[in-house]
PDB file of N, CA and C in Angstrom:
ATOM      1  N   MET A   1      -5.330   3.453  -0.259  1.00  0.00           N
ATOM      2  CA  MET A   1      -4.155   3.352  -0.353  1.00  0.00           C
ATOM      3  C   MET A   1      -3.315   4.146  -1.242  1.00  0.00           C
ATOM      4  N   PHE A   2      -4.234   4.337  -2.588  1.00  0.00           N
ATOM      5  CA  PHE A   2      -3.327   5.097  -3.505  1.00  0.00           C
ATOM      6  C   PHE A   2      -4.002   6.570  -3.651  1.00  0.00           C
ATOM      7  N   ALA A   3      -3.199   7.231  -3.936  1.00  0.00           N
ATOM      8  CA  ALA A   3      -3.844   8.635  -4.141  1.00  0.00           C
ATOM      9  C   ALA A   3      -3.884   8.862  -5.912  1.00  0.00           C
ATOM     10  N   GLY A   4      -3.356   8.143  -6.615  1.00  0.00           N
ATOM     11  CA  GLY A   4      -3.322   8.204  -8.138  1.00  0.00           C
ATOM     12  C   GLY A   4      -3.209   6.787  -8.756  1.00  0.00           C
ATOM     13  N   LEU A   5      -3.070   6.772 -10.050  1.00  0.00           N
ATOM     14  CA  LEU A   5      -2.910   5.414 -10.683  1.00  0.00           C
ATOM     15  C   LEU A   5      -1.592   4.369  -9.943  1.00  0.00           C
ATOM     16  N   GLY A   6      -0.785   5.052  -9.825  1.00  0.00           N
ATOM     17  CA  GLY A   6       0.409   4.527  -9.173  1.00  0.00           C
ATOM     18  C   GLY A   6       1.158   4.962  -8.025  1.00  0.00           C
ATOM     19  N   GLN A   7       0.601   6.100  -7.377  1.00  0.00           N
ATOM     20  CA  GLN A   7       1.187   6.792  -6.308  1.00  0.00           C
ATOM     21  C   GLN A   7       0.437   6.425  -4.992  1.00  0.00           C
ATOM     22  N   PHE A   8       1.193   6.119  -3.826  1.00  0.00           N
ATOM     23  CA  PHE A   8       0.598   5.942  -2.460  1.00  0.00           C
ATOM     24  C   PHE A   8       0.055   7.367  -2.084  1.00  0.00           C
ATOM     25  N   ALA A   9      -1.358   7.305  -1.202  1.00  0.00           N
ATOM     26  CA  ALA A   9      -1.580   8.571  -0.488  1.00  0.00           C
ATOM     27  C   ALA A   9      -0.529   8.651   0.571  1.00  0.00           C
ATOM     28  N   ASP A  10      -0.664   9.728   1.098  1.00  0.00           N
ATOM     29  CA  ASP A  10       0.121  10.030   2.328  1.00  0.00           C
ATOM     30  C   ASP A  10       0.076   9.161   3.693  1.00  0.00           C
ATOM     31  N   SER A  11      -1.297   8.716   3.942  1.00  0.00           N
ATOM     32  CA  SER A  11      -1.541   7.954   5.092  1.00  0.00           C
ATOM     33  C   SER A  11      -2.895   7.143   4.679  1.00  0.00           C
ATOM     34  N   CYS A  12      -3.042   6.060   5.421  1.00  0.00           N
ATOM     35  CA  CYS A  12      -4.249   5.360   5.186  1.00  0.00           C
ATOM     36  C   CYS A  12      -5.487   6.003   5.735  1.00  0.00           C
ATOM     37  N   ALA A  13      -6.748   5.913   4.900  1.00  0.00           N
ATOM     38  CA  ALA A  13      -7.598   6.530   5.372  1.00  0.00           C
ATOM     39  C   ALA A  13      -8.368   5.893   6.393  1.00  0.00           C
ATOM     40  N   ASN A  14      -8.246   4.810   6.665  1.00  0.00           N
ATOM     41  CA  ASN A  14      -8.833   3.917   7.806  1.00  0.00           C
ATOM     42  C   ASN A  14      -8.159   4.137   9.195  1.00  0.00           C
ATOM     43  N   CYS A  15      -6.778   3.701   9.076  1.00  0.00           N
ATOM     44  CA  CYS A  15      -6.123   3.509  10.308  1.00  0.00           C
ATOM     45  C   CYS A  15      -4.972   4.647  10.612  1.00  0.00           C
ATOM     46  N   GLY A  16      -4.840   5.691   9.497  1.00  0.00           N
ATOM     47  CA  GLY A  16      -3.975   6.554   9.556  1.00  0.00           C
ATOM     48  C   GLY A  16      -2.510   6.062   9.507  1.00  0.00           C
ATOM     49  N   LEU A  17      -2.163   4.949   8.865  1.00  0.00           N
ATOM     50  CA  LEU A  17      -0.792   4.553   8.651  1.00  0.00           C
ATOM     51  C   LEU A  17       0.008   5.532   7.846  1.00  0.00           C
ATOM     52  N   ASP A  18       1.230   6.006   8.054  1.00  0.00           N
ATOM     53  CA  ASP A  18       1.879   6.738   7.338  1.00  0.00           C
ATOM     54  C   ASP A  18       2.722   6.004   6.276  1.00  0.00           C
ATOM     55  N   PHE A  19       2.273   6.189   4.934  1.00  0.00           N
ATOM     56  CA  PHE A  19       2.988   5.499   3.964  1.00  0.00           C
ATOM     57  C   PHE A  19       4.435   6.020   3.598  1.00  0.00           C
ATOM     58  N   SER A  20       4.743   7.231   4.063  1.00  0.00           N
ATOM     59  CA  SER A  20       5.815   7.862   3.608  1.00  0.00           C
ATOM     60  C   SER A  20       6.923   7.396   4.056  1.00  0.00           C
ATOM     61  N   SER A  21       6.767   6.339   5.037  1.00  0.00           N
ATOM     62  CA  SER A  21       7.934   5.898   5.645  1.00  0.00           C
ATOM     63  C   SER A  21       8.679   4.452   5.057  1.00  0.00           C
ATOM     64  N   TYR A  22       7.714   4.287   4.127  1.00  0.00           N
ATOM     65  CA  TYR A  22       8.086   2.936   3.102  1.00  0.00           C
ATOM     66  C   TYR A  22       8.644   3.256   1.820  1.00  0.00           C
ATOM     67  N   ASN A  23       9.601   2.599   1.672  1.00  0.00           N
ATOM     68  CA  ASN A  23      10.567   2.874   0.338  1.00  0.00           C
ATOM     69  C   ASN A  23      10.099   1.858  -0.664  1.00  0.00           C
ATOM     70  N   VAL A  24       8.709   1.804  -1.488  1.00  0.00           N
ATOM     71  CA  VAL A  24       8.462   0.868  -2.447  1.00  0.00           C
ATOM     72  C   VAL A  24       8.968   1.120  -3.946  1.00  0.00           C
ATOM     73  N   GLY A  25       9.163   2.282  -4.161  1.00  0.00           N
ATOM     74  CA  GLY A  25       9.887   2.721  -5.334  1.00  0.00           C
ATOM     75  C   GLY A  25       9.152   2.158  -6.706  1.00  0.00           C
ATOM     76  N   ASP A  26      10.193   1.665  -7.493  1.00  0.00           N
ATOM     77  CA  ASP A  26       9.613   1.439  -8.831  1.00  0.00           C
ATOM     78  C   ASP A  26      10.095  -0.034  -9.001  1.00  0.00           C
ATOM     79  N   GLY A  27      10.659  -0.671  -8.057  1.00  0.00           N
ATOM     80  CA  GLY A  27      11.090  -2.169  -8.146  1.00  0.00           C
ATOM     81  C   GLY A  27       9.963  -2.995  -8.902  1.00  0.00           C
ATOM     82  N   PRO A  28       8.834  -3.256  -8.592  1.00  0.00           N
ATOM     83  CA  PRO A  28       7.922  -4.078  -9.237  1.00  0.00           C
ATOM     84  C   PRO A  28       7.934  -3.888 -10.774  1.00  0.00           C
ATOM     85  N   ALA A  29       8.065  -2.263 -11.303  1.00  0.00           N
ATOM     86  CA  ALA A  29       7.920  -2.204 -12.754  1.00  0.00           C
ATOM     87  C   ALA A  29       8.705  -2.996 -13.591  1.00  0.00           C
ATOM     88  N   ALA A  30       9.888  -3.025 -13.342  1.00  0.00           N
ATOM     89  CA  ALA A  30      10.829  -4.020 -14.167  1.00  0.00           C
ATOM     90  C   ALA A  30      10.239  -5.462 -14.400  1.00  0.00           C
ATOM     91  N   LEU A  31      10.047  -6.198 -13.309  1.00  0.00           N
ATOM     92  CA  LEU A  31       9.562  -7.363 -13.318  1.00  0.00           C
ATOM     93  C   LEU A  31       8.010  -7.482 -14.051  1.00  0.00           C
ATOM     94  N   LEU A  32       7.306  -6.451 -13.748  1.00  0.00           N
ATOM     95  CA  LEU A  32       6.151  -6.569 -14.500  1.00  0.00           C
ATOM     96  C   LEU A  32       6.186  -6.316 -16.057  1.00  0.00           C
ATOM     97  N   THR A  33       6.896  -5.419 -16.370  1.00  0.00           N
ATOM     98  CA  THR A  33       7.236  -5.281 -17.819  1.00  0.00           C
ATOM     99  C   THR A  33       7.600  -6.326 -18.753  1.00  0.00           C
ATOM    100  N   MET A  34       8.635  -7.206 -18.052  1.00  0.00           N
ATOM    101  CA  MET A  34       9.026  -8.211 -18.499  1.00  0.00           C
ATOM    102  C   MET A  34       7.927  -9.225 -18.791  1.00  0.00           C
ATOM    103  N   GLY A  35       7.443  -9.583 -17.582  1.00  0.00           N
ATOM    104  CA  GLY A  35       6.145 -10.602 -17.488  1.00  0.00           C
ATOM    105  C   GLY A  35       5.077 -10.262 -18.676  1.00  0.00           C
ATOM    106  N   ILE A  36       4.550  -9.128 -18.426  1.00  0.00           N
ATOM    107  CA  ILE A  36       3.276  -8.594 -19.167  1.00  0.00           C
ATOM    108  C   ILE A  36       3.778  -8.482 -20.473  1.00  0.00           C
ATOM    109  N   GLY A  37       4.945  -7.847 -20.898  1.00  0.00           N
ATOM    110  CA  GLY A  37       5.607  -7.902 -22.494  1.00  0.00           C
ATOM    111  C   GLY A  37       5.577  -9.498 -22.906  1.00  0.00           C
ATOM    112  N   THR A  38       6.045 -10.422 -22.110  1.00  0.00           N
ATOM    113  CA  THR A  38       5.843 -11.854 -22.634  1.00  0.00           C
ATOM    114  C   THR A  38       4.657 -12.279 -22.879  1.00  0.00           C
ATOM    115  N   LEU A  39       3.641 -12.013 -21.927  1.00  0.00           N
ATOM    116  CA  LEU A  39       2.134 -12.426 -22.079  1.00  0.00           C
ATOM    117  C   LEU A  39       1.718 -11.803 -23.398  1.00  0.00           C
ATOM    118  N   ILE A  40       1.864 -10.406 -23.733  1.00  0.00           N
ATOM    119  CA  ILE A  40       1.107  -9.969 -24.611  1.00  0.00           C
ATOM    120  C   ILE A  40       1.650 -10.344 -25.994  1.00  0.00           C
ATOM    121  N   ILE A  41       2.918 -10.518 -26.260  1.00  0.00           N
ATOM    122  CA  ILE A  41       3.751 -11.011 -27.212  1.00  0.00           C
ATOM    123  C   ILE A  41       2.904 -12.578 -27.662  1.00  0.00           C
ATOM    124  N   VAL A  42       3.016 -13.398 -26.739  1.00  0.00           N
ATOM    125  CA  VAL A  42       2.382 -14.630 -26.705  1.00  0.00           C
ATOM    126  C   VAL A  42       0.962 -14.693 -27.340  1.00  0.00           C
ATOM    127  N   LEU A  43       0.511 -13.768 -26.867  1.00  0.00           N
ATOM    128  CA  LEU A  43      -1.288 -13.650 -27.067  1.00  0.00           C
ATOM    129  C   LEU A  43      -1.320 -13.073 -28.506  1.00  0.00           C
ATOM    130  N   ALA A  44      -0.424 -12.147 -28.953  1.00  0.00           N
ATOM    131  CA  ALA A  44      -0.439 -11.236 -30.141  1.00  0.00           C
ATOM    132  C   ALA A  44      -0.157 -12.353 -31.378  1.00  0.00           C
ATOM    133  N   LEU A  45       0.998 -13.168 -31.124  1.00  0.00           N
ATOM    134  CA  LEU A  45       1.397 -14.280 -31.920  1.00  0.00           C
ATOM    135  C   LEU A  45       0.335 -15.173 -32.225  1.00  0.00           C
ATOM    136  N   GLY A  46      -0.431 -15.496 -31.080  1.00  0.00           N
ATOM    137  CA  GLY A  46      -1.470 -16.507 -31.071  1.00  0.00           C
ATOM    138  C   GLY A  46      -2.735 -15.791 -32.034  1.00  0.00           C
ATOM    139  N   VAL A  47      -3.037 -14.912 -31.665  1.00  0.00           N
ATOM    140  CA  VAL A  47      -4.074 -14.171 -32.532  1.00  0.00           C
ATOM    141  C   VAL A  47      -3.603 -13.896 -33.972  1.00  0.00           C
ATOM    142  N   ASP A  48      -2.485 -13.719 -34.074  1.00  0.00           N
ATOM    143  CA  ASP A  48      -1.857 -13.369 -35.440  1.00  0.00           C
ATOM    144  C   ASP A  48      -2.047 -14.754 -36.339  1.00  0.00           C
ATOM    145  N   SER A  49      -1.643 -15.734 -35.605  1.00  0.00           N
ATOM    146  CA  SER A  49      -1.476 -17.126 -36.532  1.00  0.00           C
ATOM    147  C   SER A  49      -2.955 -17.636 -36.781  1.00  0.00           C
ATOM    148  N   VAL A  50      -3.709 -17.514 -35.908  1.00  0.00           N
ATOM    149  CA  VAL A  50      -5.277 -18.046 -36.169  1.00  0.00           C
ATOM    150  C   VAL A  50      -6.236 -17.061 -36.992  1.00  0.00           C
ATOM    151  N   PHE A  51      -6.192 -15.709 -36.771  1.00  0.00           N
ATOM    152  CA  PHE A  51      -6.894 -14.840 -37.444  1.00  0.00           C
ATOM    153  C   PHE A  51      -6.254 -14.069 -38.757  1.00  0.00           C
ATOM    154  N   HIS A  52      -5.238 -14.004 -38.502  1.00  0.00           N
ATOM    155  CA  HIS A  52      -4.391 -13.023 -39.424  1.00  0.00           C
ATOM    156  C   HIS A  52      -5.137 -11.455 -39.825  1.00  0.00           C
ATOM    157  N   PRO A  53      -5.227 -10.977 -38.643  1.00  0.00           N
ATOM    158  CA  PRO A  53      -5.639  -9.567 -38.594  1.00  0.00           C
ATOM    159  C   PRO A  53      -5.029  -8.572 -39.167  1.00  0.00           C
ATOM    160  N   PRO A  54      -5.158  -7.355 -39.686  1.00  0.00           N
ATOM    161  CA  PRO A  54      -4.082  -6.553 -40.171  1.00  0.00           C
ATOM    162  C   PRO A  54      -3.258  -5.680 -38.932  1.00  0.00           C
ATOM    163  N   PHE A  55      -2.289  -5.148 -39.250  1.00  0.00           N
ATOM    164  CA  PHE A  55      -1.681  -4.444 -38.223  1.00  0.00           C
ATOM    165  C   PHE A  55      -2.451  -3.388 -37.330  1.00  0.00           C
ATOM    166  N   TRP A  56      -3.239  -2.709 -37.960  1.00  0.00           N
ATOM    167  CA  TRP A  56      -4.063  -1.603 -36.912  1.00  0.00           C
ATOM    168  C   TRP A  56      -5.052  -2.555 -36.033  1.00  0.00           C
ATOM    169  N   VAL A  57      -5.430  -3.561 -36.348  1.00  0.00           N
ATOM    170  CA  VAL A  57      -6.134  -4.431 -35.484  1.00  0.00           C
ATOM    171  C   VAL A  57      -5.560  -4.923 -34.144  1.00  0.00           C
ATOM    172  N   HIS A  58      -4.223  -5.202 -34.486  1.00  0.00           N
ATOM    173  CA  HIS A  58      -3.187  -5.406 -33.131  1.00  0.00           C
ATOM    174  C   HIS A  58      -3.242  -4.220 -32.561  1.00  0.00           C
ATOM    175  N   VAL A  59      -3.033  -3.013 -32.992  1.00  0.00           N
ATOM    176  CA  VAL A  59      -2.804  -1.878 -32.253  1.00  0.00           C
ATOM    177  C   VAL A  59      -4.261  -1.628 -31.433  1.00  0.00           C
ATOM    178  N   ILE A  60      -5.066  -1.653 -32.015  1.00  0.00           N
ATOM    179  CA  ILE A  60      -6.275  -1.428 -31.159  1.00  0.00           C
ATOM    180  C   ILE A  60      -6.698  -2.485 -30.072  1.00  0.00           C
ATOM    181  N   ILE A  61      -6.376  -3.528 -30.217  1.00  0.00           N
ATOM    182  CA  ILE A  61      -6.360  -4.746 -29.379  1.00  0.00           C
ATOM    183  C   ILE A  61      -5.336  -4.340 -28.275  1.00  0.00           C
ATOM    184  N   TRP A  62      -4.221  -4.555 -28.600  1.00  0.00           N
ATOM    185  CA  TRP A  62      -3.016  -4.785 -27.546  1.00  0.00           C
ATOM    186  C   TRP A  62      -2.770  -3.598 -26.718  1.00  0.00           C
ATOM    187  N   VAL A  63      -2.717  -2.221 -27.326  1.00  0.00           N
ATOM    188  CA  VAL A  63      -2.022  -1.312 -26.513  1.00  0.00           C
ATOM    189  C   VAL A  63      -3.080  -0.843 -25.563  1.00  0.00           C
ATOM    190  N   PRO A  64      -4.399  -0.700 -25.849  1.00  0.00           N
ATOM    191  CA  PRO A  64      -5.346  -0.598 -24.218  1.00  0.00           C
ATOM    192  C   PRO A  64      -5.169  -1.749 -23.327  1.00  0.00           C
ATOM    193  N   PHE A  65      -5.203  -3.052 -23.761  1.00  0.00           N
ATOM    194  CA  PHE A  65      -5.060  -3.981 -22.969  1.00  0.00           C
ATOM    195  C   PHE A  65      -3.848  -4.271 -22.208  1.00  0.00           C
ATOM    196  N   THR A  66      -2.503  -3.750 -22.745  1.00  0.00           N
ATOM    197  CA  THR A  66      -1.315  -3.828 -22.258  1.00  0.00           C
ATOM    198  C   THR A  66      -1.293  -2.559 -21.358  1.00  0.00           C
ATOM    199  N   ALA A  67      -1.974  -1.611 -21.440  1.00  0.00           N
ATOM    200  CA  ALA A  67      -1.652  -0.759 -20.786  1.00  0.00           C
ATOM    201  C   ALA A  67      -2.695  -0.686 -19.193  1.00  0.00           C
ATOM    202  N   ALA A  68      -3.747  -1.177 -19.716  1.00  0.00           N
ATOM    203  CA  ALA A  68      -4.908  -1.597 -18.419  1.00  0.00           C
ATOM    204  C   ALA A  68      -4.018  -2.687 -17.571  1.00  0.00           C
ATOM    205  N   LEU A  69      -3.686  -3.646 -18.323  1.00  0.00           N
ATOM    206  CA  LEU A  69      -2.899  -4.698 -17.383  1.00  0.00           C
ATOM    207  C   LEU A  69      -1.855  -4.300 -16.672  1.00  0.00           C
ATOM    208  N   THR A  70      -1.003  -3.311 -17.319  1.00  0.00           N
ATOM    209  CA  THR A  70      -0.056  -2.584 -16.411  1.00  0.00           C
ATOM    210  C   THR A  70      -0.350  -2.110 -15.308  1.00  0.00           C
ATOM    211  N   VAL A  71      -1.303  -1.243 -15.473  1.00  0.00           N
ATOM    212  CA  VAL A  71      -1.799  -0.201 -14.335  1.00  0.00           C
ATOM    213  C   VAL A  71      -2.330  -1.056 -13.231  1.00  0.00           C
ATOM    214  N   ILE A  72      -3.021  -2.154 -13.664  1.00  0.00           N
ATOM    215  CA  ILE A  72      -3.733  -2.822 -12.572  1.00  0.00           C
ATOM    216  C   ILE A  72      -2.643  -3.713 -11.754  1.00  0.00           C
ATOM    217  N   SER A  73      -1.740  -4.362 -12.723  1.00  0.00           N
ATOM    218  CA  SER A  73      -0.898  -5.335 -11.953  1.00  0.00           C
ATOM    219  C   SER A  73       0.125  -4.384 -11.102  1.00  0.00           C
ATOM    220  N   LEU A  74       0.378  -3.144 -11.498  1.00  0.00           N
ATOM    221  CA  LEU A  74       1.382  -2.340 -10.791  1.00  0.00           C
ATOM    222  C   LEU A  74       1.054  -1.933  -9.670  1.00  0.00           C
ATOM    223  N   ARG A  75      -0.348  -1.732  -9.564  1.00  0.00           N
ATOM    224  CA  ARG A  75      -0.871  -1.305  -8.305  1.00  0.00           C
ATOM    225  C   ARG A  75      -1.109  -2.354  -7.245  1.00  0.00           C
ATOM    226  N   MET A  76      -1.189  -3.567  -7.801  1.00  0.00           N
ATOM    227  CA  MET A  76      -1.262  -4.660  -6.879  1.00  0.00           C
ATOM    228  C   MET A  76       0.143  -4.980  -6.430  1.00  0.00           C
ATOM    229  N   ALA A  77       1.167  -4.978  -7.342  1.00  0.00           N
ATOM    230  CA  ALA A  77       2.629  -5.394  -6.862  1.00  0.00           C
ATOM    231  C   ALA A  77       3.332  -4.273  -5.927  1.00  0.00           C
ATOM    232  N   LYS A  78       2.676  -3.136  -6.229  1.00  0.00           N
ATOM    233  CA  LYS A  78       3.312  -1.965  -5.185  1.00  0.00           C
ATOM    234  C   LYS A  78       2.533  -2.234  -3.837  1.00  0.00           C
ATOM    235  N   ALA A  79       1.319  -2.668  -3.806  1.00  0.00           N
ATOM    236  CA  ALA A  79       0.563  -2.597  -2.580  1.00  0.00           C
ATOM    237  C   ALA A  79       0.964  -3.924  -1.793  1.00  0.00           C
ATOM    238  N   GLY A  80       1.487  -5.052  -2.603  1.00  0.00           N
ATOM    239  CA  GLY A  80       2.110  -6.138  -2.221  1.00  0.00           C
ATOM    240  C   GLY A  80       3.615  -5.972  -1.450  1.00  0.00           C
ATOM    241  N   LEU A  81       4.048  -5.199  -2.025  1.00  0.00           N
ATOM    242  CA  LEU A  81       5.529  -4.768  -1.696  1.00  0.00           C
ATOM    243  C   LEU A  81       5.469  -3.831  -0.412  1.00  0.00           C
ATOM    244  N   LEU A  82       4.728  -3.053  -0.377  1.00  0.00           N
ATOM    245  CA  LEU A  82       4.263  -2.255   0.870  1.00  0.00           C
ATOM    246  C   LEU A  82       4.005  -3.210   1.931  1.00  0.00           C
ATOM    247  N   ALA A  83       3.019  -4.004   1.745  1.00  0.00           N
ATOM    248  CA  ALA A  83       2.489  -4.921   2.819  1.00  0.00           C
ATOM    249  C   ALA A  83       3.648  -5.827   3.339  1.00  0.00           C
ATOM    250  N   ALA A  84       4.668  -6.342   2.412  1.00  0.00           N
ATOM    251  CA  ALA A  84       5.632  -7.167   2.974  1.00  0.00           C
ATOM    252  C   ALA A  84       6.875  -6.285   3.807  1.00  0.00           C
ATOM    253  N   GLU A  85       6.918  -4.832   3.305  1.00  0.00           N
ATOM    254  CA  GLU A  85       7.840  -4.207   4.228  1.00  0.00           C
ATOM    255  C   GLU A  85       7.091  -3.753   5.454  1.00  0.00           C
ATOM    256  N   HIS A  86       5.812  -3.716   5.735  1.00  0.00           N
ATOM    257  CA  HIS A  86       5.130  -3.423   7.039  1.00  0.00           C
ATOM    258  C   HIS A  86       5.220  -4.705   7.904  1.00  0.00           C
ATOM    259  N   ARG A  87       4.906  -5.740   7.106  1.00  0.00           N
ATOM    260  CA  ARG A  87       4.859  -6.939   8.045  1.00  0.00           C
ATOM    261  C   ARG A  87       6.315  -7.362   8.458  1.00  0.00           C
ATOM    262  N   ASN A  88       7.506  -7.125   7.621  1.00  0.00           N
ATOM    263  CA  ASN A  88       8.733  -7.626   8.048  1.00  0.00           C
ATOM    264  C   ASN A  88       9.478  -6.306   8.882  1.00  0.00           C
ATOM    265  N   ARG A  89       8.860  -5.247   8.969  1.00  0.00           N
ATOM    266  CA  ARG A  89       9.335  -4.170   9.618  1.00  0.00           C
ATOM    267  C   ARG A  89      10.652  -3.587   8.960  1.00  0.00           C
ATOM    268  N   ALA A  90      10.560  -3.602   7.569  1.00  0.00           N
ATOM    269  CA  ALA A  90      11.602  -3.032   6.940  1.00  0.00           C
ATOM    270  C   ALA A  90      12.068  -1.817   7.156  1.00  0.00           C
ATOM    271  N   ARG A  91      13.179  -1.338   6.863  1.00  0.00           N
ATOM    272  CA  ARG A  91      13.784   0.142   7.049  1.00  0.00           C
ATOM    273  C   ARG A  91      14.985   0.142   6.310  1.00  0.00           C
ATOM    274  N   GLU A  92      15.384   1.230   5.942  1.00  0.00           N
ATOM    275  CA  GLU A  92      16.915   1.594   5.332  1.00  0.00           C
ATOM    276  C   GLU A  92      17.551   1.347   6.432  1.00  0.00           C
ATOM    277  N   ALA A  93      19.133   0.822   5.903  1.00  0.00           N
ATOM    278  CA  ALA A  93      20.152   0.553   6.596  1.00  0.00           C
ATOM    279  C   ALA A  93      20.814   1.570   7.242  1.00  0.00           C
ATOM    280  N   GLY A  94      21.011   1.737   8.370  1.00  0.00           N
ATOM    281  CA  GLY A  94      21.983   2.843   8.883  1.00  0.00           C
ATOM    282  C   GLY A  94      23.265   2.648   9.123  1.00  0.00           C
ATOM    283  N   LYS A  95      24.126   3.441   9.595  1.00  0.00           N
ATOM    284  CA  LYS A  95      25.529   3.140   9.814  1.00  0.00           C
ATOM    285  C   LYS A  95      25.931   2.004  10.846  1.00  0.00           C
ATOM    286  N   SER A  96      25.143   2.180  11.872  1.00  0.00           N
ATOM    287  CA  SER A  96      25.058   1.037  12.943  1.00  0.00           C
ATOM    288  C   SER A  96      24.968  -0.476  12.312  1.00  0.00           C
ATOM    289  N   ASP A  97      24.080  -0.457  11.377  1.00  0.00           N
ATOM    290  CA  ASP A  97      23.861  -1.717  10.827  1.00  0.00           C
ATOM    291  C   ASP A  97      25.150  -2.555   9.832  1.00  0.00           C
ATOM    292  N   LEU A  98      25.588  -1.620   9.529  1.00  0.00           N
ATOM    293  CA  LEU A  98      26.980  -2.236   8.622  1.00  0.00           C
ATOM    294  C   LEU A  98      28.008  -2.636   9.172  1.00  0.00           C
ATOM    295  N   LEU A  99      27.995  -2.419  10.588  1.00  0.00           N
ATOM    296  CA  LEU A  99      29.311  -2.789  11.532  1.00  0.00           C
ATOM    297  C   LEU A  99      29.204  -4.215  11.972  1.00  0.00           C
TER     298      LEU A  99
END
């Protein structure tokens, strides 16, 4: 389904479904940024209050964890949005739809 970390392939390798007709865009990214940011801040504050590590330990722990969690969940969110568009036969609105 994916050609890169967050980009869709041109078509499905199994069934040949053309992914270029779907407009997934970067909609899931904003929601994931807020959700993952909140989770990381809560976890970092919890670790800091219990263990009191120096700042560089926080950097070593939270930067890779945040990047990995973002890439993994962004792929899932984009795939879910594409599946929802396919299931609901979503398409761009045309002039005839506005009348």
